Amino acid sequence: MSFDWGKFLEVAEKLNQQKSEETFRTAISRAYYSVFCTIRNLKGFKDYKQRDIHSKLIETLKNSHSNSDNFIGTTLDQLRRERNIADYNEDKTVNEMMSQKCIYMAQEIFKFIKK
């Protein structure tokens, strides 16, 4: 039985309620990985172990002929940028509004996946 990456979004939602910068940062990261890992597996990249997997998946989606893939790729790219700030930039304040925005973007991506 494989892990359901979508459950990370539930974790993000719970973390967001704790109202601290460290939980907002972690919520953003979990929101990103909930959709990234789900889509990676759905699109056949599960066994692709190269460093460029994030950009490769995003570019594949953005260059697709499918409007839903384009939306997912563009939104995932925005979410990845926010995740990079949350995970690596200690000089930028991360707040509840940013965290909530990332959770919302992940929720929107999941709506497209389930269509």
Protein backbone atom coordinates (compact mmCIF):
# COMPACT_ATOMS: atom_id res chain seq x y z
CA MET A 1 0.00 0.00 0.00
CA SER A 2 1.50 3.31 -1.00
CA PHE A 3 1.37 6.55 0.94
CA ASP A 4 -1.37 9.06 0.06
CA TRP A 5 0.56 12.29 -0.55
CA GLY A 6 -2.68 14.25 -0.45
CA LYS A 7 -2.74 13.77 3.33
CA PHE A 8 0.08 16.31 3.55
CA LEU A 9 -2.50 18.95 2.65
CA GLU A 10 -4.51 18.01 5.74
CA VAL A 11 -1.32 18.43 7.79
CA ALA A 12 -0.77 21.85 6.19
CA GLU A 13 -4.28 22.94 7.11
CA LYS A 14 -3.76 21.89 10.74
CA LEU A 15 -0.36 23.57 10.92
CA ASN A 16 -1.80 26.80 9.53
CA GLN A 17 -4.19 26.96 12.49
CA GLN A 18 -1.28 27.07 14.98
CA LYS A 19 -0.49 30.64 13.93
CA SER A 20 3.29 30.85 14.17
CA GLU A 21 5.85 31.59 11.51
CA GLU A 22 7.44 28.16 11.82
CA THR A 23 4.11 26.42 11.32
CA PHE A 24 3.22 28.71 8.40
CA ARG A 25 6.55 27.83 6.76
CA THR A 26 6.00 24.12 7.31
CA ALA A 27 2.39 24.34 6.08
CA ILE A 28 3.59 25.90 2.81
CA SER A 29 6.13 23.13 2.36
CA ARG A 30 3.61 20.37 3.07
CA ALA A 31 1.03 21.97 0.74
CA TYR A 32 3.58 21.98 -2.08
CA TYR A 33 4.71 18.41 -1.52
CA SER A 34 1.14 17.16 -1.27
CA VAL A 35 0.47 18.15 -4.88
CA PHE A 36 3.99 17.75 -6.25
CA CYS A 37 4.31 14.09 -5.21
CA THR A 38 0.75 13.27 -6.25
CA ILE A 39 1.21 14.75 -9.72
CA ARG A 40 4.72 13.33 -10.09
CA ASN A 41 3.29 9.86 -9.62
CA LEU A 42 0.22 10.44 -11.79
CA LYS A 43 2.34 11.72 -14.67
CA GLY A 44 4.72 8.75 -14.61
CA PHE A 45 7.72 10.40 -12.96
CA LYS A 46 7.68 8.32 -9.76
CA ASP A 47 10.94 6.56 -10.58
CA TYR A 48 12.68 9.65 -12.00
CA LYS A 49 15.36 10.40 -9.39
CA GLN A 50 17.31 13.25 -10.98
CA ARG A 51 17.78 16.62 -9.26
CA ASP A 52 15.72 18.43 -11.85
CA ILE A 53 12.51 16.50 -11.14
CA HIS A 54 10.67 19.60 -9.86
CA SER A 55 11.44 21.76 -12.88
CA LYS A 56 11.06 18.83 -15.29
CA LEU A 57 7.57 18.02 -14.04
CA ILE A 58 6.50 21.67 -14.00
CA GLU A 59 7.80 22.33 -17.52
CA THR A 60 6.18 19.14 -18.82
CA LEU A 61 2.84 20.31 -17.46
CA LYS A 62 3.21 23.89 -18.68
CA ASN A 63 4.16 22.70 -22.19
CA SER A 64 1.29 20.22 -22.43
CA HIS A 65 -1.55 20.65 -24.92
CA SER A 66 -3.97 20.15 -22.04
CA ASN A 67 -5.44 23.28 -20.46
CA SER A 68 -5.77 21.54 -17.11
CA ASP A 69 -2.10 20.44 -17.22
CA ASN A 70 -1.14 24.04 -18.07
CA PHE A 71 -3.08 25.34 -15.08
CA ILE A 72 -1.57 22.71 -12.80
CA GLY A 73 1.96 23.44 -14.07
CA THR A 74 1.62 27.20 -13.65
CA THR A 75 0.06 26.92 -10.20
CA LEU A 76 2.58 24.30 -9.07
CA ASP A 77 5.38 26.61 -10.25
CA GLN A 78 3.98 29.48 -8.15
CA LEU A 79 3.59 27.15 -5.20
CA ARG A 80 7.16 25.95 -5.59
CA ARG A 81 8.46 29.53 -5.48
CA GLU A 82 6.57 30.12 -2.24
CA ARG A 83 7.89 26.84 -0.84
CA ASN A 84 11.45 27.86 -1.68
CA ILE A 85 10.98 31.11 0.25
CA ALA A 86 9.45 29.27 3.21
CA ASP A 87 12.15 26.59 3.28
CA TYR A 88 15.27 28.61 2.48
CA ASN A 89 14.83 32.35 3.06
CA GLU A 90 15.04 33.24 6.74
CA ASP A 91 15.21 36.96 5.90
CA LYS A 92 11.68 37.00 4.50
CA THR A 93 8.79 36.92 6.94
CA VAL A 94 6.26 34.20 6.19
CA ASN A 95 2.78 34.89 7.49
CA GLU A 96 -0.67 33.33 7.69
CA MET A 97 -1.86 34.98 4.48
CA MET A 98 1.00 33.38 2.50
CA SER A 99 0.36 30.02 4.10
CA GLN A 100 -3.37 30.19 3.42
CA LYS A 101 -2.72 31.21 -0.20
CA CYS A 102 -0.49 28.16 -0.72
CA ILE A 103 -3.03 25.83 0.85
CA TYR A 104 -5.67 27.30 -1.46
CA MET A 105 -3.44 26.79 -4.53
CA ALA A 106 -2.89 23.16 -3.55
CA GLN A 107 -6.64 22.67 -3.07
CA GLU A 108 -7.27 24.13 -6.53
CA ILE A 109 -4.74 21.77 -8.10
CA PHE A 110 -6.41 18.80 -6.42
CA LYS A 111 -9.75 19.89 -7.91
CA PHE A 112 -8.20 19.61 -11.39
CA ILE A 113 -6.67 16.23 -10.61
CA LYS A 114 -10.02 14.82 -9.54
CA LYS A 115 -11.89 15.96 -12.67
